[in-house]
PDB file of all heavy atoms in Angstrom:
ATOM      1  N   LEU A   1     -13.887  12.558   1.622  1.00  0.00           N
ATOM      2  CA  LEU A   1     -13.366  11.407   2.397  1.00  0.00           C
ATOM      3  C   LEU A   1     -11.973  11.724   2.917  1.00  0.00           C
ATOM      4  O   LEU A   1     -11.083  12.180   2.188  1.00  0.00           O
ATOM      5  CB  LEU A   1     -13.270  10.154   1.493  1.00  0.00           C
ATOM      6  CG  LEU A   1     -12.728   8.902   2.096  1.00  0.00           C
ATOM      7  CD1 LEU A   1     -13.616   8.450   3.210  1.00  0.00           C
ATOM      8  CD2 LEU A   1     -12.623   7.822   1.050  1.00  0.00           C
ATOM      9  N   GLU A   2     -11.783  11.557   4.197  1.00  0.00           N
ATOM     10  CA  GLU A   2     -10.430  11.806   4.816  1.00  0.00           C
ATOM     11  C   GLU A   2      -9.602  10.544   4.634  1.00  0.00           C
ATOM     12  O   GLU A   2     -10.083   9.422   5.002  1.00  0.00           O
ATOM     13  CB  GLU A   2     -10.630  12.168   6.217  1.00  0.00           C
ATOM     14  CG  GLU A   2      -9.281  12.528   6.879  1.00  0.00           C
ATOM     15  CD  GLU A   2      -9.404  12.997   8.346  1.00  0.00           C
ATOM     16  OE1 GLU A   2     -10.433  13.637   8.640  1.00  0.00           O
ATOM     17  OE2 GLU A   2      -8.554  12.643   9.130  1.00  0.00           O
ATOM     18  N   THR A   3      -8.411  10.673   4.203  1.00  0.00           N
ATOM     19  CA  THR A   3      -7.539   9.555   3.991  1.00  0.00           C
ATOM     20  C   THR A   3      -6.734   9.314   5.262  1.00  0.00           C
ATOM     21  O   THR A   3      -6.295  10.219   5.954  1.00  0.00           O
ATOM     22  CB  THR A   3      -6.505   9.839   2.881  1.00  0.00           C
ATOM     23  OG1 THR A   3      -7.200  10.192   1.710  1.00  0.00           O
ATOM     24  CG2 THR A   3      -5.572   8.658   2.588  1.00  0.00           C
ATOM     25  N   ALA A   4      -6.656   8.059   5.664  1.00  0.00           N
ATOM     26  CA  ALA A   4      -5.926   7.666   6.812  1.00  0.00           C
ATOM     27  C   ALA A   4      -4.719   6.815   6.466  1.00  0.00           C
ATOM     28  O   ALA A   4      -4.592   6.368   5.323  1.00  0.00           O
ATOM     29  CB  ALA A   4      -6.824   6.819   7.775  1.00  0.00           C
ATOM     30  N   ASP A   5      -3.768   6.652   7.398  1.00  0.00           N
ATOM     31  CA  ASP A   5      -2.667   5.669   7.195  1.00  0.00           C
ATOM     32  C   ASP A   5      -3.244   4.316   6.922  1.00  0.00           C
ATOM     33  O   ASP A   5      -4.386   4.064   7.359  1.00  0.00           O
ATOM     34  CB  ASP A   5      -1.738   5.679   8.387  1.00  0.00           C
ATOM     35  CG  ASP A   5      -0.997   6.974   8.564  1.00  0.00           C
ATOM     36  OD1 ASP A   5      -0.982   7.832   7.684  1.00  0.00           O
ATOM     37  OD2 ASP A   5      -0.374   7.127   9.605  1.00  0.00           O
ATOM     38  N   ALA A   6      -2.502   3.468   6.241  1.00  0.00           N
ATOM     39  CA  ALA A   6      -3.045   2.091   5.942  1.00  0.00           C
ATOM     40  C   ALA A   6      -2.115   1.046   6.431  1.00  0.00           C
ATOM     41  O   ALA A   6      -0.847   1.184   6.357  1.00  0.00           O
ATOM     42  CB  ALA A   6      -3.265   1.988   4.410  1.00  0.00           C
ATOM     43  N   VAL A   7      -2.631  -0.041   6.943  1.00  0.00           N
ATOM     44  CA  VAL A   7      -1.882  -1.192   7.432  1.00  0.00           C
ATOM     45  C   VAL A   7      -2.284  -2.343   6.447  1.00  0.00           C
ATOM     46  O   VAL A   7      -3.429  -2.661   6.307  1.00  0.00           O
ATOM     47  CB  VAL A   7      -2.231  -1.619   8.823  1.00  0.00           C
ATOM     48  CG1 VAL A   7      -1.540  -2.884   9.208  1.00  0.00           C
ATOM     49  CG2 VAL A   7      -1.910  -0.485   9.822  1.00  0.00           C
ATOM     50  N   LEU A   8      -1.277  -2.893   5.776  1.00  0.00           N
ATOM     51  CA  LEU A   8      -1.446  -3.986   4.935  1.00  0.00           C
ATOM     52  C   LEU A   8      -1.073  -5.277   5.718  1.00  0.00           C
ATOM     53  O   LEU A   8       0.054  -5.489   6.037  1.00  0.00           O
ATOM     54  CB  LEU A   8      -0.553  -3.910   3.701  1.00  0.00           C
ATOM     55  CG  LEU A   8      -0.540  -5.108   2.742  1.00  0.00           C
ATOM     56  CD1 LEU A   8      -1.927  -5.400   2.131  1.00  0.00           C
ATOM     57  CD2 LEU A   8       0.475  -4.953   1.591  1.00  0.00           C
ATOM     58  N   ASP A   9      -2.117  -6.129   5.947  1.00  0.00           N
ATOM     59  CA  ASP A   9      -1.866  -7.409   6.607  1.00  0.00           C
ATOM     60  C   ASP A   9      -1.425  -8.344   5.540  1.00  0.00           C
ATOM     61  O   ASP A   9      -2.255  -8.833   4.738  1.00  0.00           O
ATOM     62  CB  ASP A   9      -3.153  -7.896   7.303  1.00  0.00           C
ATOM     63  CG  ASP A   9      -2.947  -9.190   8.023  1.00  0.00           C
ATOM     64  OD1 ASP A   9      -1.874  -9.846   7.899  1.00  0.00           O
ATOM     65  OD2 ASP A   9      -3.871  -9.620   8.765  1.00  0.00           O
ATOM     66  N   ALA A  10      -0.178  -8.692   5.541  1.00  0.00           N
ATOM     67  CA  ALA A  10       0.460  -9.369   4.416  1.00  0.00           C
ATOM     68  C   ALA A  10       0.671 -10.878   4.685  1.00  0.00           C
ATOM     69  O   ALA A  10       1.295 -11.603   3.979  1.00  0.00           O
ATOM     70  CB  ALA A  10       1.753  -8.776   4.030  1.00  0.00           C
ATOM     71  N   GLU A  11       0.030 -11.365   5.799  1.00  0.00           N
ATOM     72  CA  GLU A  11       0.273 -12.755   6.186  1.00  0.00           C
ATOM     73  C   GLU A  11      -0.040 -13.803   5.080  1.00  0.00           C
ATOM     74  O   GLU A  11       0.655 -14.728   4.864  1.00  0.00           O
ATOM     75  CB  GLU A  11      -0.622 -13.108   7.430  1.00  0.00           C
ATOM     76  CG  GLU A  11      -0.364 -14.564   7.902  1.00  0.00           C
ATOM     77  CD  GLU A  11      -1.209 -14.905   9.072  1.00  0.00           C
ATOM     78  OE1 GLU A  11      -2.408 -14.491   9.164  1.00  0.00           O
ATOM     79  OE2 GLU A  11      -0.686 -15.602   9.960  1.00  0.00           O
ATOM     80  N   ALA A  12      -1.145 -13.548   4.328  1.00  0.00           N
ATOM     81  CA  ALA A  12      -1.513 -14.484   3.252  1.00  0.00           C
ATOM     82  C   ALA A  12      -0.880 -14.218   1.887  1.00  0.00           C
ATOM     83  O   ALA A  12      -1.154 -14.947   0.974  1.00  0.00           O
ATOM     84  CB  ALA A  12      -3.027 -14.435   3.132  1.00  0.00           C
ATOM     85  N   ILE A  13      -0.046 -13.212   1.856  1.00  0.00           N
ATOM     86  CA  ILE A  13       0.631 -12.895   0.511  1.00  0.00           C
ATOM     87  C   ILE A  13       1.917 -13.657   0.408  1.00  0.00           C
ATOM     88  O   ILE A  13       2.822 -13.476   1.268  1.00  0.00           O
ATOM     89  CB  ILE A  13       0.871 -11.359   0.383  1.00  0.00           C
ATOM     90  CG1 ILE A  13      -0.396 -10.597   0.531  1.00  0.00           C
ATOM     91  CG2 ILE A  13       1.602 -11.071  -0.884  1.00  0.00           C
ATOM     92  CD1 ILE A  13      -0.191  -9.055   0.618  1.00  0.00           C
ATOM     93  N   SER A  14       2.012 -14.532  -0.591  1.00  0.00           N
ATOM     94  CA  SER A  14       3.267 -15.321  -0.692  1.00  0.00           C
ATOM     95  C   SER A  14       4.096 -14.873  -1.916  1.00  0.00           C
ATOM     96  O   SER A  14       5.241 -15.255  -2.009  1.00  0.00           O
ATOM     97  CB  SER A  14       2.878 -16.805  -0.873  1.00  0.00           C
ATOM     98  OG  SER A  14       2.057 -17.001  -2.044  1.00  0.00           O
ATOM     99  N   ASP A  15       3.485 -14.097  -2.790  1.00  0.00           N
ATOM    100  CA  ASP A  15       4.240 -13.650  -3.977  1.00  0.00           C
ATOM    101  C   ASP A  15       3.711 -12.317  -4.483  1.00  0.00           C
ATOM    102  O   ASP A  15       2.508 -11.988  -4.302  1.00  0.00           O
ATOM    103  CB  ASP A  15       4.084 -14.682  -5.087  1.00  0.00           C
ATOM    104  CG  ASP A  15       5.039 -14.483  -6.281  1.00  0.00           C
ATOM    105  OD1 ASP A  15       6.097 -13.806  -6.070  1.00  0.00           O
ATOM    106  OD2 ASP A  15       4.760 -14.935  -7.357  1.00  0.00           O
ATOM    107  N   VAL A  16       4.572 -11.528  -5.062  1.00  0.00           N
ATOM    108  CA  VAL A  16       4.214 -10.252  -5.683  1.00  0.00           C
ATOM    109  C   VAL A  16       4.906 -10.226  -7.059  1.00  0.00           C
ATOM    110  O   VAL A  16       6.116 -10.316  -7.169  1.00  0.00           O
ATOM    111  CB  VAL A  16       4.609  -9.058  -4.838  1.00  0.00           C
ATOM    112  CG1 VAL A  16       4.342  -7.773  -5.597  1.00  0.00           C
ATOM    113  CG2 VAL A  16       4.063  -9.078  -3.462  1.00  0.00           C
ATOM    114  N   ASP A  17       4.075 -10.114  -8.099  1.00  0.00           N
ATOM    115  CA  ASP A  17       4.640  -9.981  -9.453  1.00  0.00           C
ATOM    116  C   ASP A  17       4.716  -8.517  -9.810  1.00  0.00           C
ATOM    117  O   ASP A  17       4.442  -7.635  -9.010  1.00  0.00           O
ATOM    118  CB  ASP A  17       3.845 -10.774 -10.479  1.00  0.00           C
ATOM    119  CG  ASP A  17       2.371 -10.245 -10.621  1.00  0.00           C
ATOM    120  OD1 ASP A  17       2.035  -9.215 -10.079  1.00  0.00           O
ATOM    121  OD2 ASP A  17       1.623 -10.982 -11.311  1.00  0.00           O
ATOM    122  N   THR A  18       5.219  -8.176 -10.972  1.00  0.00           N
ATOM    123  CA  THR A  18       5.412  -6.795 -11.345  1.00  0.00           C
ATOM    124  C   THR A  18       4.129  -5.985 -11.360  1.00  0.00           C
ATOM    125  O   THR A  18       4.139  -4.864 -11.003  1.00  0.00           O
ATOM    126  CB  THR A  18       6.151  -6.702 -12.719  1.00  0.00           C
ATOM    127  OG1 THR A  18       5.341  -7.404 -13.693  1.00  0.00           O
ATOM    128  CG2 THR A  18       7.576  -7.254 -12.667  1.00  0.00           C
ATOM    129  N   THR A  19       3.065  -6.709 -11.752  1.00  0.00           N
ATOM    130  CA  THR A  19       1.735  -5.969 -11.757  1.00  0.00           C
ATOM    131  C   THR A  19       1.275  -5.664 -10.352  1.00  0.00           C
ATOM    132  O   THR A  19       0.838  -4.537 -10.062  1.00  0.00           O
ATOM    133  CB  THR A  19       0.665  -6.814 -12.495  1.00  0.00           C
ATOM    134  OG1 THR A  19       1.096  -7.137 -13.832  1.00  0.00           O
ATOM    135  CG2 THR A  19      -0.642  -6.130 -12.537  1.00  0.00           C
ATOM    136  N   GLY A  20       1.459  -6.576  -9.477  1.00  0.00           N
ATOM    137  CA  GLY A  20       1.117  -6.386  -8.045  1.00  0.00           C
ATOM    138  C   GLY A  20       1.957  -5.278  -7.445  1.00  0.00           C
ATOM    139  O   GLY A  20       1.537  -4.438  -6.666  1.00  0.00           O
ATOM    140  N   ALA A  21       3.277  -5.310  -7.757  1.00  0.00           N
ATOM    141  CA  ALA A  21       4.190  -4.281  -7.230  1.00  0.00           C
ATOM    142  C   ALA A  21       3.813  -2.908  -7.763  1.00  0.00           C
ATOM    143  O   ALA A  21       3.782  -1.937  -6.948  1.00  0.00           O
ATOM    144  CB  ALA A  21       5.641  -4.659  -7.647  1.00  0.00           C
ATOM    145  N   GLU A  22       3.398  -2.763  -8.984  1.00  0.00           N
ATOM    146  CA  GLU A  22       2.965  -1.490  -9.529  1.00  0.00           C
ATOM    147  C   GLU A  22       1.707  -1.013  -8.832  1.00  0.00           C
ATOM    148  O   GLU A  22       1.544   0.182  -8.472  1.00  0.00           O
ATOM    149  CB  GLU A  22       2.733  -1.576 -11.054  1.00  0.00           C
ATOM    150  CG  GLU A  22       2.348  -0.276 -11.664  1.00  0.00           C
ATOM    151  CD  GLU A  22       3.334   0.884 -11.425  1.00  0.00           C
ATOM    152  OE1 GLU A  22       4.530   0.658 -11.312  1.00  0.00           O
ATOM    153  OE2 GLU A  22       2.840   2.093 -11.342  1.00  0.00           O
ATOM    154  N   ALA A  23       0.773  -1.892  -8.619  1.00  0.00           N
ATOM    155  CA  ALA A  23      -0.487  -1.531  -7.941  1.00  0.00           C
ATOM    156  C   ALA A  23      -0.189  -1.030  -6.487  1.00  0.00           C
ATOM    157  O   ALA A  23      -0.712  -0.052  -6.044  1.00  0.00           O
ATOM    158  CB  ALA A  23      -1.426  -2.727  -7.900  1.00  0.00           C
ATOM    159  N   LEU A  24       0.692  -1.762  -5.772  1.00  0.00           N
ATOM    160  CA  LEU A  24       1.076  -1.398  -4.457  1.00  0.00           C
ATOM    161  C   LEU A  24       1.835  -0.035  -4.474  1.00  0.00           C
ATOM    162  O   LEU A  24       1.620   0.848  -3.638  1.00  0.00           O
ATOM    163  CB  LEU A  24       1.982  -2.428  -3.845  1.00  0.00           C
ATOM    164  CG  LEU A  24       2.326  -2.300  -2.354  1.00  0.00           C
ATOM    165  CD1 LEU A  24       1.106  -2.211  -1.471  1.00  0.00           C
ATOM    166  CD2 LEU A  24       3.232  -3.426  -1.935  1.00  0.00           C
ATOM    167  N   ARG A  25       2.642   0.182  -5.475  1.00  0.00           N
ATOM    168  CA  ARG A  25       3.372   1.468  -5.631  1.00  0.00           C
ATOM    169  C   ARG A  25       2.375   2.593  -5.782  1.00  0.00           C
ATOM    170  O   ARG A  25       2.531   3.708  -5.242  1.00  0.00           O
ATOM    171  CB  ARG A  25       4.370   1.353  -6.772  1.00  0.00           C
ATOM    172  CG  ARG A  25       5.343   2.537  -6.791  1.00  0.00           C
ATOM    173  CD  ARG A  25       6.530   2.365  -7.695  1.00  0.00           C
ATOM    174  NE  ARG A  25       7.160   1.062  -7.683  1.00  0.00           N
ATOM    175  CZ  ARG A  25       7.995   0.597  -6.688  1.00  0.00           C
ATOM    176  NH1 ARG A  25       8.238   1.449  -5.648  1.00  0.00           N
ATOM    177  NH2 ARG A  25       8.595  -0.530  -6.725  1.00  0.00           N
ATOM    178  N   GLN A  26       1.313   2.374  -6.567  1.00  0.00           N
ATOM    179  CA  GLN A  26       0.281   3.407  -6.840  1.00  0.00           C
ATOM    180  C   GLN A  26      -0.423   3.723  -5.549  1.00  0.00           C
ATOM    181  O   GLN A  26      -0.682   4.936  -5.228  1.00  0.00           O
ATOM    182  CB  GLN A  26      -0.688   2.998  -7.914  1.00  0.00           C
ATOM    183  CG  GLN A  26      -0.092   3.008  -9.249  1.00  0.00           C
ATOM    184  CD  GLN A  26      -1.069   2.443 -10.295  1.00  0.00           C
ATOM    185  OE1 GLN A  26      -2.247   2.254 -10.075  1.00  0.00           O
ATOM    186  NE2 GLN A  26      -0.531   2.158 -11.534  1.00  0.00           N
ATOM    187  N   VAL A  27      -0.806   2.755  -4.729  1.00  0.00           N
ATOM    188  CA  VAL A  27      -1.440   3.018  -3.421  1.00  0.00           C
ATOM    189  C   VAL A  27      -0.491   3.790  -2.523  1.00  0.00           C
ATOM    190  O   VAL A  27      -0.896   4.767  -1.871  1.00  0.00           O
ATOM    191  CB  VAL A  27      -1.824   1.677  -2.820  1.00  0.00           C
ATOM    192  CG1 VAL A  27      -2.299   1.836  -1.342  1.00  0.00           C
ATOM    193  CG2 VAL A  27      -2.945   0.932  -3.569  1.00  0.00           C
ATOM    194  N   GLU A  28       0.772   3.324  -2.476  1.00  0.00           N
ATOM    195  CA  GLU A  28       1.747   4.021  -1.596  1.00  0.00           C
ATOM    196  C   GLU A  28       1.914   5.504  -2.030  1.00  0.00           C
ATOM    197  O   GLU A  28       1.928   6.406  -1.238  1.00  0.00           O
ATOM    198  CB  GLU A  28       3.081   3.322  -1.712  1.00  0.00           C
ATOM    199  CG  GLU A  28       4.150   4.018  -0.839  1.00  0.00           C
ATOM    200  CD  GLU A  28       5.514   3.299  -0.994  1.00  0.00           C
ATOM    201  OE1 GLU A  28       5.818   2.783  -2.061  1.00  0.00           O
ATOM    202  OE2 GLU A  28       6.273   3.350  -0.019  1.00  0.00           O
ATOM    203  N   ALA A  29       1.938   5.714  -3.371  1.00  0.00           N
ATOM    204  CA  ALA A  29       2.086   7.108  -3.844  1.00  0.00           C
ATOM    205  C   ALA A  29       0.886   7.999  -3.491  1.00  0.00           C
ATOM    206  O   ALA A  29       1.047   9.132  -3.131  1.00  0.00           O
ATOM    207  CB  ALA A  29       2.299   7.073  -5.383  1.00  0.00           C
ATOM    208  N   GLN A  30      -0.297   7.406  -3.608  1.00  0.00           N
ATOM    209  CA  GLN A  30      -1.519   8.139  -3.274  1.00  0.00           C
ATOM    210  C   GLN A  30      -1.553   8.451  -1.801  1.00  0.00           C
ATOM    211  O   GLN A  30      -1.894   9.620  -1.415  1.00  0.00           O
ATOM    212  CB  GLN A  30      -2.757   7.398  -3.657  1.00  0.00           C
ATOM    213  CG  GLN A  30      -2.964   7.260  -5.140  1.00  0.00           C
ATOM    214  CD  GLN A  30      -4.098   6.327  -5.510  1.00  0.00           C
ATOM    215  OE1 GLN A  30      -4.654   5.671  -4.722  1.00  0.00           O
ATOM    216  NE2 GLN A  30      -4.416   6.313  -6.814  1.00  0.00           N
ATOM    217  N   LEU A  31      -1.172   7.552  -0.934  1.00  0.00           N
ATOM    218  CA  LEU A  31      -1.160   7.825   0.476  1.00  0.00           C
ATOM    219  C   LEU A  31      -0.065   8.870   0.811  1.00  0.00           C
ATOM    220  O   LEU A  31      -0.322   9.800   1.577  1.00  0.00           O
ATOM    221  CB  LEU A  31      -0.831   6.529   1.255  1.00  0.00           C
ATOM    222  CG  LEU A  31      -2.001   5.557   1.325  1.00  0.00           C
ATOM    223  CD1 LEU A  31      -1.534   4.143   1.802  1.00  0.00           C
ATOM    224  CD2 LEU A  31      -3.099   6.081   2.195  1.00  0.00           C
ATOM    225  N   THR A  32       1.130   8.725   0.193  1.00  0.00           N
ATOM    226  CA  THR A  32       2.186   9.678   0.426  1.00  0.00           C
ATOM    227  C   THR A  32       1.801  11.065   0.005  1.00  0.00           C
ATOM    228  O   THR A  32       2.044  12.077   0.714  1.00  0.00           O
ATOM    229  CB  THR A  32       3.457   9.263  -0.309  1.00  0.00           C
ATOM    230  OG1 THR A  32       3.846   7.977   0.193  1.00  0.00           O
ATOM    231  CG2 THR A  32       4.586  10.215  -0.086  1.00  0.00           C
ATOM    232  N   ALA A  33       1.128  11.171  -1.114  1.00  0.00           N
ATOM    233  CA  ALA A  33       0.665  12.494  -1.669  1.00  0.00           C
ATOM    234  C   ALA A  33      -0.348  13.168  -0.629  1.00  0.00           C
ATOM    235  O   ALA A  33      -0.458  14.366  -0.630  1.00  0.00           O
ATOM    236  CB  ALA A  33       0.011  12.310  -3.038  1.00  0.00           C
ATOM    237  N   ALA A  34      -1.105  12.259   0.102  1.00  0.00           N
ATOM    238  CA  ALA A  34      -2.046  12.770   1.039  1.00  0.00           C
ATOM    239  C   ALA A  34      -1.472  12.947   2.423  1.00  0.00           C
ATOM    240  O   ALA A  34      -2.149  13.257   3.375  1.00  0.00           O
ATOM    241  CB  ALA A  34      -3.250  11.799   1.132  1.00  0.00           C
ATOM    242  N   GLY A  35      -0.119  12.786   2.483  1.00  0.00           N
ATOM    243  CA  GLY A  35       0.559  12.981   3.769  1.00  0.00           C
ATOM    244  C   GLY A  35       0.402  11.775   4.685  1.00  0.00           C
ATOM    245  O   GLY A  35       0.534  11.854   5.898  1.00  0.00           O
ATOM    246  N   ARG A  36       0.065  10.670   4.118  1.00  0.00           N
ATOM    247  CA  ARG A  36      -0.146   9.404   4.884  1.00  0.00           C
ATOM    248  C   ARG A  36       0.900   8.367   4.565  1.00  0.00           C
ATOM    249  O   ARG A  36       1.716   8.587   3.645  1.00  0.00           O
ATOM    250  CB  ARG A  36      -1.529   8.848   4.631  1.00  0.00           C
ATOM    251  CG  ARG A  36      -2.640   9.843   4.945  1.00  0.00           C
ATOM    252  CD  ARG A  36      -2.588  10.225   6.376  1.00  0.00           C
ATOM    253  NE  ARG A  36      -3.701  11.185   6.702  1.00  0.00           N
ATOM    254  CZ  ARG A  36      -4.002  11.501   7.912  1.00  0.00           C
ATOM    255  NH1 ARG A  36      -3.306  11.102   8.925  1.00  0.00           N
ATOM    256  NH2 ARG A  36      -5.026  12.322   8.104  1.00  0.00           N
ATOM    257  N   ARG A  37       0.818   7.210   5.213  1.00  0.00           N
ATOM    258  CA  ARG A  37       1.811   6.203   4.925  1.00  0.00           C
ATOM    259  C   ARG A  37       1.149   4.838   4.896  1.00  0.00           C
ATOM    260  O   ARG A  37       0.066   4.613   5.395  1.00  0.00           O
ATOM    261  CB  ARG A  37       2.906   6.205   5.949  1.00  0.00           C
ATOM    262  CG  ARG A  37       2.449   5.870   7.369  1.00  0.00           C
ATOM    263  CD  ARG A  37       3.558   6.157   8.402  1.00  0.00           C
ATOM    264  NE  ARG A  37       2.965   6.007   9.716  1.00  0.00           N
ATOM    265  CZ  ARG A  37       3.381   5.165  10.668  1.00  0.00           C
ATOM    266  NH1 ARG A  37       4.417   4.405  10.424  1.00  0.00           N
ATOM    267  NH2 ARG A  37       2.773   5.111  11.816  1.00  0.00           N
ATOM    268  N   LEU A  38       1.833   3.921   4.262  1.00  0.00           N
ATOM    269  CA  LEU A  38       1.440   2.515   4.212  1.00  0.00           C
ATOM    270  C   LEU A  38       2.452   1.736   5.001  1.00  0.00           C
ATOM    271  O   LEU A  38       3.702   1.822   4.798  1.00  0.00           O
ATOM    272  CB  LEU A  38       1.439   2.048   2.717  1.00  0.00           C
ATOM    273  CG  LEU A  38       1.256   0.529   2.502  1.00  0.00           C
ATOM    274  CD1 LEU A  38      -0.169   0.157   2.897  1.00  0.00           C
ATOM    275  CD2 LEU A  38       1.435   0.257   0.980  1.00  0.00           C
ATOM    276  N   VAL A  39       2.004   0.894   5.945  1.00  0.00           N
ATOM    277  CA  VAL A  39       2.833   0.002   6.702  1.00  0.00           C
ATOM    278  C   VAL A  39       2.426  -1.395   6.451  1.00  0.00           C
ATOM    279  O   VAL A  39       1.264  -1.698   6.119  1.00  0.00           O
ATOM    280  CB  VAL A  39       2.878   0.373   8.218  1.00  0.00           C
ATOM    281  CG1 VAL A  39       3.417   1.734   8.443  1.00  0.00           C
ATOM    282  CG2 VAL A  39       1.523   0.151   8.830  1.00  0.00           C
ATOM    283  N   VAL A  40       3.346  -2.317   6.669  1.00  0.00           N
ATOM    284  CA  VAL A  40       3.073  -3.772   6.395  1.00  0.00           C
ATOM    285  C   VAL A  40       3.184  -4.554   7.679  1.00  0.00           C
ATOM    286  O   VAL A  40       4.122  -4.385   8.458  1.00  0.00           O
ATOM    287  CB  VAL A  40       4.111  -4.305   5.378  1.00  0.00           C
ATOM    288  CG1 VAL A  40       3.796  -5.794   5.106  1.00  0.00           C
ATOM    289  CG2 VAL A  40       3.986  -3.571   4.050  1.00  0.00           C
ATOM    290  N   ALA A  41       2.179  -5.457   7.940  1.00  0.00           N
ATOM    291  CA  ALA A  41       2.210  -6.313   9.066  1.00  0.00           C
ATOM    292  C   ALA A  41       2.267  -7.764   8.662  1.00  0.00           C
ATOM    293  O   ALA A  41       1.650  -8.099   7.609  1.00  0.00           O
ATOM    294  CB  ALA A  41       0.890  -6.067   9.911  1.00  0.00           C
TER     295      ALA A  41
END
């Protein structure tokens, strides 16, 4: 599977707790390791 850059549509997200932040950090790290990026809309 080829990894692509990711766009997170955050319109419906009103809060992020520490667990959510850690999950997002893991996704960001995996994308970065693959030479990709995560952007937020």
